Amino acid sequence: MKNLCVAILFIFSLIAEAAAQPPGSSRKAISSGSNSMSFIDMQKTFQRPDESFKRKEDTLRKQFEAKGLAWPAKYLYIRSFKYDSQLEVWVKNDAAEQYKLFKTFKVCALAGTLGPKRMEGDYQVPEGFYYINEFNPRSQYYLSLGINYPNASDKVLSDSLRPGSAIYIHGSCVTVGCIPILDTQIDELYILAAHAKNQGQDFIPVHIFPIRYNVPRSVAFLSNLTKDDPYLKKFADRLEDAFEYFEQKKQVPVVMISDKGEYSIASAVARKVPEDKKAPKPKREPVKHRTRQIAAVADVVHQWPQFPGGGNAFMKYLDDLGHDMVPFLPENVKKAFVQVEFIVDTDGVPVNIKVLKGSTDQDFIDELITRLEKMPTWTPAMLHDKAVAKKMIQTITVD
């Protein structure tokens, strides 16, 4: 029936586990004529993975032994938490057993703010339920593991023409929307994922959450972010259902997607939603900020606007601003990723500044915009040797 939910099942655990074969299975081999090569052997034909295996495999084996885990793991499950800047690696060797935590890596950089990715160029790290769909041994970020963004939900809810793509877990500790960890850590994760795939786990699940739902500080931040955004709150609640399912059962949940692109978790664990007993803030008069009527904003330019001193100077300016804004964060919020938009006009003056994501507290927003309005004058964007207005979007980390 057309009105029923489309039963698109992300059966990450079931598919991955059913696909796994015994060590002697032919799924381990990539055949070419009379020769056959396992996935591990194929990876070792590339310089970086080969060096990684030589450098790290024995160490990983010993770490597994120290934790009482069988080497190598047949099943791998990865969880990432954006606000908490963590990436967890869970392992097991039998479909029926529970996953065990092997290691937690620090995510060493973050682009965008909390919430799902919805279009190309928004610098957002996706949130939702994915799996590894690519091993890239020649990544410009050392080594990388691709995830299948956009998934079936993203294809419904994201920009239909430009949803974005090329999302990876990678090394080099830089990002414009991926999940970066240190080179020494992607070495380990790449080896673990290669071993799991070599043993038949074709769909290694990667779940990306906005926060750790069992950390009060993180919950407080998300609650403040979603209090005036019912869509984002509903989305975050569905992710929490998956988080709670795994926390209690240590098995990857079955995720379903409706014909509207909405997630639902099979056999979701019932959870209590705390009531907000705080009195609402009194309404306040908005602060007037610097705005201009700009006839045209260029989409394409020959030269982007330049902050005085260049890109590094701008990054330092944003870092300093982020530190200075900490005292203005709402109560119980210790850290924020605030996405702002402004236009560098033809005279280089930043105008029409507004906050897109990361805070709904008007006092905080007004203070941030007031400070941004004191930015020095930029060198404007150029198109055909003529100064043009150009829109800029930037994320400020407040901590």
Protein backbone atom coordinates (compact mmCIF):
# COMPACT_ATOMS: atom_id res chain seq x y z
CA MET A 1 0.00 0.00 0.00
CA LYS A 2 1.40 3.36 -1.11
CA ASN A 3 0.52 5.14 2.13
CA LEU A 4 2.38 2.68 4.24
CA CYS A 5 5.91 3.34 5.39
CA VAL A 6 8.43 2.20 2.80
CA ALA A 7 10.20 -0.68 4.45
CA ILE A 8 13.72 0.29 3.62
CA LEU A 9 15.65 -1.57 6.28
CA PHE A 10 19.14 -0.55 7.21
CA ILE A 11 19.77 -3.95 8.71
CA PHE A 12 23.40 -3.11 9.30
CA SER A 13 24.00 -5.77 11.89
CA LEU A 14 21.95 -8.47 10.18
CA ILE A 15 23.30 -7.89 6.67
CA ALA A 16 26.86 -7.62 7.89
CA GLU A 17 26.61 -10.65 10.08
CA ALA A 18 24.74 -12.80 7.57
CA ALA A 19 27.26 -11.85 4.91
CA ALA A 20 30.22 -12.92 7.04
CA GLN A 21 31.76 -16.24 6.02
CA PRO A 22 34.15 -18.65 7.72
CA PRO A 23 37.88 -17.86 7.42
CA GLY A 24 38.27 -20.26 4.52
CA SER A 25 35.42 -18.76 2.50
CA SER A 26 35.86 -17.73 -1.09
CA ARG A 27 34.55 -14.26 -0.05
CA LYS A 28 38.08 -13.59 1.19
CA ALA A 29 39.50 -13.88 -2.29
CA ILE A 30 39.44 -11.56 -5.27
CA SER A 31 39.92 -13.80 -8.28
CA SER A 32 41.76 -12.82 -11.44
CA GLY A 33 42.27 -15.67 -13.86
CA SER A 34 44.18 -18.42 -12.09
CA ASN A 35 45.35 -16.11 -9.33
CA SER A 36 43.42 -15.10 -6.24
CA MET A 37 44.11 -12.32 -3.80
CA SER A 38 42.45 -11.66 -0.45
CA PHE A 39 41.18 -8.18 0.37
CA ILE A 40 44.02 -7.81 2.89
CA ASP A 41 46.62 -8.81 0.29
CA MET A 42 45.08 -6.41 -2.20
CA GLN A 43 45.33 -3.57 0.31
CA LYS A 44 48.97 -4.41 0.91
CA THR A 45 49.74 -3.73 -2.74
CA PHE A 46 49.34 -0.04 -1.87
CA GLN A 47 52.19 1.68 -0.09
CA ARG A 48 50.37 3.33 2.80
CA PRO A 49 48.22 0.37 3.87
CA ASP A 50 51.23 -1.94 3.51
CA GLU A 51 53.26 0.30 5.80
CA SER A 52 50.33 0.53 8.21
CA PHE A 53 50.03 -3.26 8.46
CA LYS A 54 53.76 -3.61 9.07
CA ARG A 55 53.77 -0.86 11.66
CA LYS A 56 50.50 -1.47 13.51
CA GLU A 57 49.10 -4.97 13.05
CA ASP A 58 51.21 -6.67 15.70
CA THR A 59 50.47 -3.88 18.16
CA LEU A 60 46.74 -4.23 17.52
CA ARG A 61 46.96 -7.98 18.00
CA LYS A 62 48.58 -7.47 21.41
CA GLN A 63 45.97 -4.88 22.39
CA PHE A 64 43.22 -7.37 21.53
CA GLU A 65 44.92 -10.03 23.63
CA ALA A 66 45.23 -7.64 26.57
CA LYS A 67 41.47 -6.98 26.41
CA GLY A 68 40.60 -10.66 26.03
CA LEU A 69 39.37 -10.19 22.45
CA ALA A 70 39.87 -12.67 19.61
CA TRP A 71 42.04 -11.37 16.76
CA PRO A 72 41.08 -10.29 14.18
CA ALA A 73 37.53 -9.09 14.78
CA LYS A 74 34.96 -10.43 12.32
CA TYR A 75 32.46 -7.67 13.05
CA LEU A 76 33.15 -3.97 13.46
CA TYR A 77 30.77 -1.19 14.54
CA ILE A 78 31.71 2.50 14.61
CA ARG A 79 29.93 5.28 16.51
CA SER A 80 30.85 8.95 16.31
CA PHE A 81 29.65 11.80 18.55
CA LYS A 82 29.99 15.27 17.05
CA TYR A 83 29.67 17.53 20.12
CA ASP A 84 31.80 15.23 22.27
CA SER A 85 34.43 14.83 19.51
CA GLN A 86 34.69 11.06 19.95
CA LEU A 87 34.75 8.04 17.66
CA GLU A 88 34.22 4.61 19.21
CA VAL A 89 35.30 1.27 17.75
CA TRP A 90 33.29 -1.79 18.84
CA VAL A 91 34.13 -5.39 17.91
CA LYS A 92 32.87 -8.96 18.19
CA ASN A 93 33.53 -12.34 16.57
CA ASP A 94 30.14 -14.02 16.58
CA ALA A 95 26.84 -12.69 15.27
CA ALA A 96 24.98 -13.62 18.46
CA GLU A 97 27.40 -12.13 20.97
CA GLN A 98 27.35 -8.55 22.20
CA TYR A 99 29.71 -5.92 20.88
CA LYS A 100 32.61 -4.92 23.12
CA LEU A 101 34.29 -1.53 23.11
CA PHE A 102 37.83 -1.78 21.79
CA LYS A 103 38.96 1.83 21.63
CA THR A 104 37.80 5.44 21.61
CA PHE A 105 39.54 7.95 19.33
CA LYS A 106 39.36 11.72 19.61
CA VAL A 107 37.85 13.43 16.57
CA CYS A 108 40.41 16.18 16.20
CA ALA A 109 38.50 18.74 14.09
CA LEU A 110 34.88 19.58 13.34
CA ALA A 111 33.17 21.54 10.60
CA GLY A 112 29.63 22.86 10.83
CA THR A 113 27.39 22.43 13.84
CA LEU A 114 24.93 19.89 15.25
CA GLY A 115 22.20 18.64 12.94
CA PRO A 116 22.09 16.59 9.72
CA LYS A 117 23.81 17.45 6.46
CA ARG A 118 21.31 18.73 3.94
CA MET A 119 23.23 20.20 1.01
CA GLU A 120 26.59 20.41 -0.70
CA GLY A 121 28.86 23.09 0.73
CA ASP A 122 27.14 23.44 4.12
CA TYR A 123 30.29 22.09 5.85
CA GLN A 124 28.09 19.79 7.92
CA VAL A 125 29.18 16.38 9.14
CA PRO A 126 26.19 14.07 8.45
CA GLU A 127 24.14 12.59 11.28
CA GLY A 128 22.36 9.28 10.92
CA PHE A 129 22.95 5.66 10.01
CA TYR A 130 25.56 4.73 7.42
CA TYR A 131 28.11 2.08 6.49
CA ILE A 132 31.63 2.05 5.05
CA ASN A 133 31.44 1.90 1.27
CA GLU A 134 35.02 2.71 0.25
CA PHE A 135 38.61 2.01 1.26
CA ASN A 136 40.86 4.77 -0.10
CA PRO A 137 44.57 3.85 0.23
CA ARG A 138 45.67 6.96 -1.70
CA SER A 139 43.66 9.59 0.10
CA GLN A 140 44.91 13.17 0.15
CA TYR A 141 44.24 12.87 3.89
CA TYR A 142 46.63 9.90 4.30
CA LEU A 143 44.11 7.01 4.51
CA SER A 144 40.34 7.22 4.44
CA LEU A 145 37.19 5.15 4.80
CA GLY A 146 34.18 6.43 2.85
CA ILE A 147 30.64 6.31 4.20
CA ASN A 148 27.51 6.00 2.06
CA TYR A 149 26.25 9.56 2.36
CA PRO A 150 23.71 10.40 1.02
CA ASN A 151 21.75 7.40 2.28
CA ALA A 152 18.09 6.69 1.50
CA SER A 153 16.90 9.19 4.12
CA ASP A 154 19.26 11.92 2.96
CA LYS A 155 18.12 11.49 -0.64
CA VAL A 156 14.57 12.32 0.44
CA LEU A 157 15.31 15.13 2.89
CA SER A 158 18.41 16.80 1.44
CA ASP A 159 18.80 19.13 -1.53
CA SER A 160 17.63 17.08 -4.52
CA LEU A 161 20.26 18.47 -6.90
CA ARG A 162 23.21 19.07 -4.56
CA PRO A 163 22.96 16.89 -1.44
CA GLY A 164 26.75 16.66 -1.16
CA SER A 165 28.98 13.59 -1.20
CA ALA A 166 32.50 12.32 -0.47
CA ILE A 167 32.18 11.99 3.32
CA TYR A 168 35.04 10.06 4.91
CA ILE A 169 36.65 9.05 8.16
CA HIS A 170 40.24 10.04 7.46
CA GLY A 171 43.61 11.13 8.83
CA SER A 172 45.46 14.46 8.71
CA CYS A 173 43.27 16.12 11.38
CA VAL A 174 41.61 18.63 9.00
CA THR A 175 38.04 18.68 7.71
CA VAL A 176 35.38 20.45 5.67
CA GLY A 177 32.60 18.04 6.63
CA CYS A 178 34.26 14.67 7.29
CA ILE A 179 35.36 12.89 10.48
CA PRO A 180 39.12 13.41 10.95
CA ILE A 181 41.35 11.52 13.37
CA LEU A 182 45.12 11.30 13.69
CA ASP A 183 47.16 9.40 11.09
CA THR A 184 48.25 6.90 13.75
CA GLN A 185 44.58 6.26 14.54
CA ILE A 186 43.33 5.91 10.98
CA ASP A 187 46.15 3.37 10.57
CA GLU A 188 44.49 1.22 13.22
CA LEU A 189 40.91 1.76 12.07
CA TYR A 190 41.81 1.03 8.45
CA ILE A 191 43.46 -2.28 9.45
CA LEU A 192 40.49 -3.31 11.62
CA ALA A 193 38.01 -2.47 8.86
CA ALA A 194 40.11 -4.30 6.27
CA HIS A 195 40.19 -7.44 8.42
CA ALA A 196 36.41 -7.29 8.98
CA LYS A 197 35.76 -6.90 5.26
CA ASN A 198 38.28 -9.66 4.51
CA GLN A 199 36.16 -11.99 6.65
CA GLY A 200 32.93 -11.04 4.93
CA GLN A 201 31.53 -7.95 6.68
CA ASP A 202 30.61 -6.02 3.56
CA PHE A 203 28.50 -3.48 5.47
CA ILE A 204 30.47 -2.05 8.40
CA PRO A 205 27.94 0.19 10.23
CA VAL A 206 28.87 3.77 11.05
CA HIS A 207 26.36 5.66 13.23
CA ILE A 208 26.91 9.41 13.64
CA PHE A 209 25.18 11.09 16.60
CA PRO A 210 25.01 14.78 17.53
CA ILE A 211 25.93 14.06 21.17
CA ARG A 212 26.51 11.33 23.71
CA TYR A 213 23.01 11.07 25.13
CA ASN A 214 24.29 9.90 28.53
CA VAL A 215 26.47 12.97 29.21
CA PRO A 216 24.49 15.72 31.04
CA ARG A 217 26.53 18.60 29.59
CA SER A 218 25.97 17.33 26.05
CA VAL A 219 22.26 16.74 26.66
CA ALA A 220 21.90 20.27 28.03
CA PHE A 221 23.55 21.72 24.93
CA LEU A 222 21.32 19.75 22.55
CA SER A 223 18.20 20.61 24.55
CA ASN A 224 18.97 24.30 24.31
CA LEU A 225 19.70 23.98 20.59
CA THR A 226 16.43 22.16 19.80
CA LYS A 227 14.02 23.89 22.18
CA ASP A 228 12.75 26.18 19.41
CA ASP A 229 13.34 23.75 16.55
CA PRO A 230 10.78 20.88 16.66
CA TYR A 231 12.10 19.33 13.44
CA LEU A 232 15.66 19.07 14.76
CA LYS A 233 14.39 17.76 18.11
CA LYS A 234 12.37 15.01 16.42
CA PHE A 235 15.38 14.06 14.32
CA ALA A 236 17.67 13.97 17.38
CA ASP A 237 15.11 11.88 19.31
CA ARG A 238 15.17 9.17 16.63
CA LEU A 239 18.95 9.05 16.84
CA GLU A 240 18.66 8.78 20.60
CA ASP A 241 16.40 5.75 20.17
CA ALA A 242 19.24 4.00 18.31
CA PHE A 243 21.78 5.11 20.91
CA GLU A 244 19.67 3.75 23.79
CA TYR A 245 19.00 0.47 21.97
CA PHE A 246 22.71 -0.19 21.56
CA GLU A 247 23.50 0.96 25.11
CA GLN A 248 21.14 -1.64 26.54
CA LYS A 249 21.59 -4.53 24.12
CA LYS A 250 25.09 -3.98 22.66
CA GLN A 251 23.69 -4.96 19.28
CA VAL A 252 23.27 -2.70 16.27
CA PRO A 253 19.58 -1.78 15.89
CA VAL A 254 17.49 -2.27 12.78
CA VAL A 255 16.79 1.17 11.29
CA MET A 256 13.78 1.80 9.03
CA ILE A 257 13.09 4.76 6.77
CA SER A 258 9.60 6.00 5.92
CA ASP A 259 8.56 7.31 2.52
CA LYS A 260 9.09 10.79 4.03
CA GLY A 261 12.72 9.97 4.79
CA GLU A 262 12.20 9.74 8.56
CA TYR A 263 14.14 7.23 10.68
CA SER A 264 12.49 4.81 13.06
CA ILE A 265 14.15 2.19 15.23
CA ALA A 266 12.70 -1.31 15.42
CA SER A 267 12.04 -2.36 19.03
CA ALA A 268 13.18 1.02 20.32
CA VAL A 269 13.72 1.12 24.06
CA ALA A 270 11.16 3.29 25.84
CA ARG A 271 12.75 6.38 27.34
CA LYS A 272 11.56 9.13 29.63
CA VAL A 273 11.54 12.63 28.26
CA PRO A 274 12.35 15.08 31.08
CA GLU A 275 10.01 18.01 31.50
CA ASP A 276 11.51 21.45 31.24
CA LYS A 277 10.53 23.09 34.52
CA LYS A 278 12.37 26.32 33.88
CA ALA A 279 10.30 29.45 33.50
CA PRO A 280 10.48 30.88 29.98
CA LYS A 281 12.71 33.88 29.49
CA PRO A 282 10.90 37.19 29.23
CA LYS A 283 10.69 38.61 25.73
CA ARG A 284 13.32 41.21 24.95
CA GLU A 285 13.66 43.96 22.43
CA PRO A 286 15.88 42.91 19.52
CA VAL A 287 19.15 44.77 19.00
CA LYS A 288 19.51 46.68 15.75
CA HIS A 289 22.45 45.48 13.68
CA ARG A 290 24.21 46.75 10.56
CA THR A 291 22.30 45.79 7.45
CA ARG A 292 22.45 46.93 3.86
CA GLN A 293 20.26 46.51 0.82
CA ILE A 294 22.56 44.69 -1.61
CA ALA A 295 21.33 44.43 -5.18
CA ALA A 296 23.38 41.39 -6.21
CA VAL A 297 25.56 38.82 -4.46
CA ALA A 298 27.96 36.92 -6.71
CA ASP A 299 27.70 33.14 -6.81
CA VAL A 300 31.00 32.67 -8.66
CA VAL A 301 34.04 34.93 -8.30
CA HIS A 302 37.57 34.99 -9.64
CA GLN A 303 38.97 35.89 -6.22
CA TRP A 304 37.32 35.31 -2.86
CA PRO A 305 37.21 38.02 -0.19
CA GLN A 306 40.45 38.23 1.80
CA PHE A 307 40.61 38.87 5.54
CA PRO A 308 43.50 41.19 6.52
CA GLY A 309 46.52 38.94 7.00
CA GLY A 310 45.00 36.01 5.10
CA GLY A 311 43.29 32.76 6.07
CA ASN A 312 45.45 32.00 9.11
CA ALA A 313 44.77 35.45 10.53
CA PHE A 314 41.03 34.88 10.06
CA MET A 315 41.20 31.50 11.82
CA LYS A 316 43.00 33.14 14.75
CA TYR A 317 40.39 35.89 14.84
CA LEU A 318 37.61 33.28 15.03
CA ASP A 319 39.45 31.28 17.70
CA ASP A 320 39.89 34.40 19.83
CA LEU A 321 36.27 35.38 19.30
CA GLY A 322 35.13 31.89 20.30
CA HIS A 323 37.06 32.12 23.58
CA ASP A 324 35.71 35.62 24.28
CA MET A 325 32.11 34.49 23.76
CA VAL A 326 32.18 31.74 26.41
CA PRO A 327 30.84 33.98 29.23
CA PHE A 328 27.80 34.77 27.08
CA LEU A 329 26.76 31.13 26.58
CA PRO A 330 23.38 30.21 28.05
CA GLU A 331 23.23 28.54 31.44
CA ASN A 332 24.44 24.91 31.45
CA VAL A 333 26.02 25.29 27.99
CA LYS A 334 29.81 25.05 28.03
CA LYS A 335 30.53 24.74 24.31
CA ALA A 336 28.82 25.67 21.06
CA PHE A 337 29.42 25.35 17.33
CA VAL A 338 27.79 28.44 15.84
CA GLN A 339 27.37 28.80 12.09
CA VAL A 340 27.19 32.41 10.92
CA GLU A 341 26.54 34.01 7.55
CA PHE A 342 27.60 37.46 6.40
CA ILE A 343 28.20 39.37 3.20
CA VAL A 344 31.49 41.04 2.39
CA ASP A 345 30.26 44.05 0.43
CA THR A 346 32.05 45.70 -2.49
CA ASP A 347 33.83 48.04 -0.06
CA GLY A 348 35.04 45.10 2.04
CA VAL A 349 32.71 45.80 4.99
CA PRO A 350 31.05 42.68 6.56
CA VAL A 351 27.29 43.31 6.70
CA ASN A 352 23.96 41.48 7.13
CA ILE A 353 25.43 39.14 9.74
CA LYS A 354 23.14 36.42 11.03
CA VAL A 355 23.38 33.18 12.97
CA LEU A 356 22.21 30.15 10.98
CA LYS A 357 22.75 27.35 13.47
CA GLY A 358 24.22 26.59 16.85
CA SER A 359 22.27 28.88 19.17
CA THR A 360 18.75 30.20 19.63
CA ASP A 361 19.59 32.36 22.66
CA GLN A 362 18.95 35.93 21.51
CA ASP A 363 21.27 37.54 24.05
CA PHE A 364 24.13 35.36 22.86
CA ILE A 365 23.28 35.97 19.20
CA ASP A 366 23.13 39.74 19.62
CA GLU A 367 26.47 39.83 21.42
CA LEU A 368 28.12 37.64 18.78
CA ILE A 369 26.79 39.74 15.88
CA THR A 370 27.81 42.96 17.64
CA ARG A 371 31.37 41.66 17.94
CA LEU A 372 31.46 40.38 14.37
CA GLU A 373 30.38 43.81 13.16
CA LYS A 374 33.69 45.11 14.54
CA MET A 375 35.66 42.89 12.15
CA PRO A 376 38.28 44.77 10.15
CA THR A 377 37.55 45.65 6.53
CA TRP A 378 38.23 42.84 4.05
CA THR A 379 39.62 42.95 0.54
CA PRO A 380 36.40 42.39 -1.45
CA ALA A 381 35.77 39.55 -3.89
CA MET A 382 36.65 40.19 -7.52
CA LEU A 383 34.86 39.19 -10.72
CA HIS A 384 36.19 40.36 -14.09
CA ASP A 385 38.47 42.83 -12.26
CA LYS A 386 35.48 44.38 -10.50
CA ALA A 387 34.70 44.27 -6.77
CA VAL A 388 31.53 42.30 -6.02
CA ALA A 389 29.56 41.37 -2.92
CA LYS A 390 30.09 37.78 -1.74
CA LYS A 391 28.30 35.70 0.89
CA MET A 392 30.44 33.91 3.49
CA ILE A 393 29.43 31.07 5.84
CA GLN A 394 31.67 30.17 8.76
CA THR A 395 31.49 28.06 11.91
CA ILE A 396 32.77 29.53 15.19
CA THR A 397 33.67 27.14 18.00
CA VAL A 398 32.78 28.73 21.34
CA ASP A 399 34.71 27.03 24.15
